[in-house]
Structures are given as C-alpha cells and as structure tokens.
Amino acid sequence: MQAQRIGLGIAVASLAGVAVATLARPRHSERVSKTFTVNRPPEQVAQLWLDLDLLPKVENVRFDPAPGGRGTEVRVRFRPRLMGKLRKTSVQEQLREFKQLAETGEIAAGGAL
C-alpha cells in the first residue's frame, strides 16, 4: 500500500485504504509519538480529525488500517515544546477524548458519582 501525503489544512485523501496528513517539520527538541486504534474506517477517522481541527500543531498524523481489520491505527507525532500551553499529558488526554468521540459519539465524564 502507498500513502498519499498532503497538507493537514487542505484535506485528507485516501489511497489504497490509507490516509495521511503531514505538516512541515519544525526543528526543535524531542519528538513524541502516540499510536492508538479507533474502531472506525480510516476515511471516517481522518475526516473527523479534520472537522474537529484537533491539535493543529502536530507534526504528522497517519491514519492506517489496523491489523486484522479492527478499525484505524492513528499515529500522531508532535513536539511538546511547540504545543504551547498544552503539556504532553494534555495532548494525551485530547487524543483519548478523540478516540472516545470517534467510537461512541460522546466523551465520557470522569469523576466519582
């Protein structure tokens, strides 16, 4: 399979079941990569990502079919320093909430009852 790379602000295209969005790479500090699986097709996950304009300062986002036909594997690469006020844990929390929203249509409220 071959991935087609295009700017995140323009659109996400799909080629052979793989959608990829890429931004220019800044030259600063450490890179952090996070990978998670969403139980939806790559095209739907990529479109939701663009619709929500989630984390616009990420360096690279990939939407690949997950092994065994189990949805979409989302790979996000970013540099915590470039995320401004967002810390690494805040980015992880937003990614977790994105997964919940993509799979269930809502974000679970935390805390005890």
C-alpha atoms as a PDB file:
ATOM      1  CA  MET A   1       0.000   0.000   0.000  1.00  0.00           C
ATOM      2  CA  GLN A   2       1.130   3.501  -0.697  1.00  0.00           C
ATOM      3  CA  ALA A   3       0.239   6.578   1.332  1.00  0.00           C
ATOM      4  CA  GLN A   4      -0.534   9.916  -0.243  1.00  0.00           C
ATOM      5  CA  ARG A   5       0.787  12.895   1.763  1.00  0.00           C
ATOM      6  CA  ILE A   6      -0.964  16.249   1.694  1.00  0.00           C
ATOM      7  CA  GLY A   7      -1.205  19.342   3.912  1.00  0.00           C
ATOM      8  CA  LEU A   8      -3.368  18.991   7.000  1.00  0.00           C
ATOM      9  CA  GLY A   9      -5.099  22.313   6.362  1.00  0.00           C
ATOM     10  CA  ILE A  10      -6.228  21.328   2.872  1.00  0.00           C
ATOM     11  CA  ALA A  11      -7.769  17.872   3.126  1.00  0.00           C
ATOM     12  CA  VAL A  12      -7.001  14.237   3.793  1.00  0.00           C
ATOM     13  CA  ALA A  13      -7.009  11.961   0.797  1.00  0.00           C
ATOM     14  CA  SER A  14      -7.281   8.229   0.752  1.00  0.00           C
ATOM     15  CA  LEU A  15      -5.310   5.904  -1.466  1.00  0.00           C
ATOM     16  CA  ALA A  16      -5.470   2.135  -1.109  1.00  0.00           C
ATOM     17  CA  GLY A  17      -7.197   2.482   2.251  1.00  0.00           C
ATOM     18  CA  VAL A  18      -4.511   4.716   3.772  1.00  0.00           C
ATOM     19  CA  ALA A  19      -4.994   8.375   4.647  1.00  0.00           C
ATOM     20  CA  VAL A  20      -2.117  10.605   5.738  1.00  0.00           C
ATOM     21  CA  ALA A  21      -1.847  14.244   6.747  1.00  0.00           C
ATOM     22  CA  THR A  22       1.536  15.935   7.132  1.00  0.00           C
ATOM     23  CA  LEU A  23       2.806  19.333   8.239  1.00  0.00           C
ATOM     24  CA  ALA A  24       6.249  20.850   7.742  1.00  0.00           C
ATOM     25  CA  ARG A  25       8.690  19.686  10.393  1.00  0.00           C
ATOM     26  CA  PRO A  26       9.957  22.285  12.838  1.00  0.00           C
ATOM     27  CA  ARG A  27      13.490  21.845  14.146  1.00  0.00           C
ATOM     28  CA  HIS A  28      13.071  21.817  17.912  1.00  0.00           C
ATOM     29  CA  SER A  29      13.604  19.392  20.789  1.00  0.00           C
ATOM     30  CA  GLU A  30      12.232  15.930  21.352  1.00  0.00           C
ATOM     31  CA  ARG A  31       9.521  14.282  19.312  1.00  0.00           C
ATOM     32  CA  VAL A  32       6.785  12.293  20.971  1.00  0.00           C
ATOM     33  CA  SER A  33       4.821   9.650  19.091  1.00  0.00           C
ATOM     34  CA  LYS A  34       1.483   8.219  20.173  1.00  0.00           C
ATOM     35  CA  THR A  35      -0.343   5.379  18.454  1.00  0.00           C
ATOM     36  CA  PHE A  36      -3.856   4.198  19.209  1.00  0.00           C
ATOM     37  CA  THR A  37      -6.620   2.269  17.470  1.00  0.00           C
ATOM     38  CA  VAL A  38     -10.077   3.627  16.695  1.00  0.00           C
ATOM     39  CA  ASN A  39     -12.874   1.215  15.782  1.00  0.00           C
ATOM     40  CA  ARG A  40     -13.868   3.094  12.595  1.00  0.00           C
ATOM     41  CA  PRO A  41     -12.660   3.096   8.952  1.00  0.00           C
ATOM     42  CA  PRO A  42      -9.617   5.315   8.162  1.00  0.00           C
ATOM     43  CA  GLU A  43     -11.624   7.719   5.974  1.00  0.00           C
ATOM     44  CA  GLN A  44     -14.136   8.421   8.755  1.00  0.00           C
ATOM     45  CA  VAL A  45     -11.423   8.914  11.386  1.00  0.00           C
ATOM     46  CA  ALA A  46      -9.404  11.240   9.120  1.00  0.00           C
ATOM     47  CA  GLN A  47     -12.476  13.321   8.297  1.00  0.00           C
ATOM     48  CA  LEU A  48     -13.437  13.641  11.966  1.00  0.00           C
ATOM     49  CA  TRP A  49      -9.862  14.727  12.790  1.00  0.00           C
ATOM     50  CA  LEU A  50     -10.075  17.484  10.176  1.00  0.00           C
ATOM     51  CA  ASP A  51     -13.604  18.520  11.159  1.00  0.00           C
ATOM     52  CA  LEU A  52     -12.585  18.962  14.804  1.00  0.00           C
ATOM     53  CA  ASP A  53      -9.296  20.711  13.907  1.00  0.00           C
ATOM     54  CA  LEU A  54      -7.782  18.735  16.759  1.00  0.00           C
ATOM     55  CA  LEU A  55      -4.227  19.641  17.755  1.00  0.00           C
ATOM     56  CA  PRO A  56      -3.318  21.749  14.695  1.00  0.00           C
ATOM     57  CA  LYS A  57       0.361  21.921  15.707  1.00  0.00           C
ATOM     58  CA  VAL A  58       1.102  18.215  15.433  1.00  0.00           C
ATOM     59  CA  GLU A  59       3.926  17.356  13.030  1.00  0.00           C
ATOM     60  CA  ASN A  60       2.452  14.262  11.487  1.00  0.00           C
ATOM     61  CA  VAL A  61      -0.790  12.297  11.667  1.00  0.00           C
ATOM     62  CA  ARG A  62      -1.270   8.926   9.947  1.00  0.00           C
ATOM     63  CA  PHE A  63      -4.494   7.008   9.557  1.00  0.00           C
ATOM     64  CA  ASP A  64      -3.769   3.376   8.588  1.00  0.00           C
ATOM     65  CA  PRO A  65      -5.996   0.297   8.565  1.00  0.00           C
ATOM     66  CA  ALA A  66      -5.446  -1.545  11.852  1.00  0.00           C
ATOM     67  CA  PRO A  67      -4.217  -5.144  11.739  1.00  0.00           C
ATOM     68  CA  GLY A  68      -6.945  -7.754  11.419  1.00  0.00           C
ATOM     69  CA  GLY A  69      -9.490  -5.280  10.071  1.00  0.00           C
ATOM     70  CA  ARG A  70     -10.003  -3.780  13.533  1.00  0.00           C
ATOM     71  CA  GLY A  71     -10.569  -0.168  12.536  1.00  0.00           C
ATOM     72  CA  THR A  72      -7.917   2.510  12.156  1.00  0.00           C
ATOM     73  CA  GLU A  73      -4.494   2.844  13.671  1.00  0.00           C
ATOM     74  CA  VAL A  74      -3.856   6.547  14.350  1.00  0.00           C
ATOM     75  CA  ARG A  75      -0.226   7.665  14.701  1.00  0.00           C
ATOM     76  CA  VAL A  76       0.430  11.180  15.961  1.00  0.00           C
ATOM     77  CA  ARG A  77       3.891  12.753  16.205  1.00  0.00           C
ATOM     78  CA  PHE A  78       4.444  16.078  17.952  1.00  0.00           C
ATOM     79  CA  ARG A  79       6.971  18.144  19.884  1.00  0.00           C
ATOM     80  CA  PRO A  80       5.679  19.112  23.333  1.00  0.00           C
ATOM     81  CA  ARG A  81       7.541  22.453  23.255  1.00  0.00           C
ATOM     82  CA  LEU A  82       5.634  23.527  20.150  1.00  0.00           C
ATOM     83  CA  MET A  83       2.234  22.753  21.626  1.00  0.00           C
ATOM     84  CA  GLY A  84       2.280  25.964  23.642  1.00  0.00           C
ATOM     85  CA  LYS A  85       0.308  25.702  26.878  1.00  0.00           C
ATOM     86  CA  LEU A  86      -0.573  22.079  26.191  1.00  0.00           C
ATOM     87  CA  ARG A  87       1.663  19.688  28.028  1.00  0.00           C
ATOM     88  CA  LYS A  88       2.377  16.151  26.886  1.00  0.00           C
ATOM     89  CA  THR A  89      -0.266  14.794  29.268  1.00  0.00           C
ATOM     90  CA  SER A  90      -2.838  17.273  27.956  1.00  0.00           C
ATOM     91  CA  VAL A  91      -2.164  16.125  24.408  1.00  0.00           C
ATOM     92  CA  GLN A  92      -2.582  12.507  25.504  1.00  0.00           C
ATOM     93  CA  GLU A  93      -5.882  13.410  27.162  1.00  0.00           C
ATOM     94  CA  GLN A  94      -7.134  15.094  23.987  1.00  0.00           C
ATOM     95  CA  LEU A  95      -6.165  12.029  21.949  1.00  0.00           C
ATOM     96  CA  ARG A  96      -8.055   9.797  24.411  1.00  0.00           C
ATOM     97  CA  GLU A  97     -11.117  12.025  24.118  1.00  0.00           C
ATOM     98  CA  PHE A  98     -10.843  11.971  20.312  1.00  0.00           C
ATOM     99  CA  LYS A  99     -10.864   8.157  20.384  1.00  0.00           C
ATOM    100  CA  GLN A 100     -13.971   8.137  22.589  1.00  0.00           C
ATOM    101  CA  LEU A 101     -15.748  10.646  20.380  1.00  0.00           C
ATOM    102  CA  ALA A 102     -14.873   8.769  17.184  1.00  0.00           C
ATOM    103  CA  GLU A 103     -16.057   5.430  18.562  1.00  0.00           C
ATOM    104  CA  THR A 104     -19.088   6.389  20.643  1.00  0.00           C
ATOM    105  CA  GLY A 105     -20.056   9.895  19.562  1.00  0.00           C
ATOM    106  CA  GLU A 106     -19.525  11.259  23.079  1.00  0.00           C
ATOM    107  CA  ILE A 107     -16.833  11.847  25.679  1.00  0.00           C
ATOM    108  CA  ALA A 108     -17.208  10.027  28.983  1.00  0.00           C
ATOM    109  CA  ALA A 109     -17.363  12.269  32.026  1.00  0.00           C
ATOM    110  CA  GLY A 110     -14.734  11.478  34.648  1.00  0.00           C
ATOM    111  CA  GLY A 111     -15.025  11.520  38.415  1.00  0.00           C
ATOM    112  CA  ALA A 112     -16.899   9.589  41.041  1.00  0.00           C
ATOM    113  CA  LEU A 113     -20.666   9.608  41.413  1.00  0.00           C
END
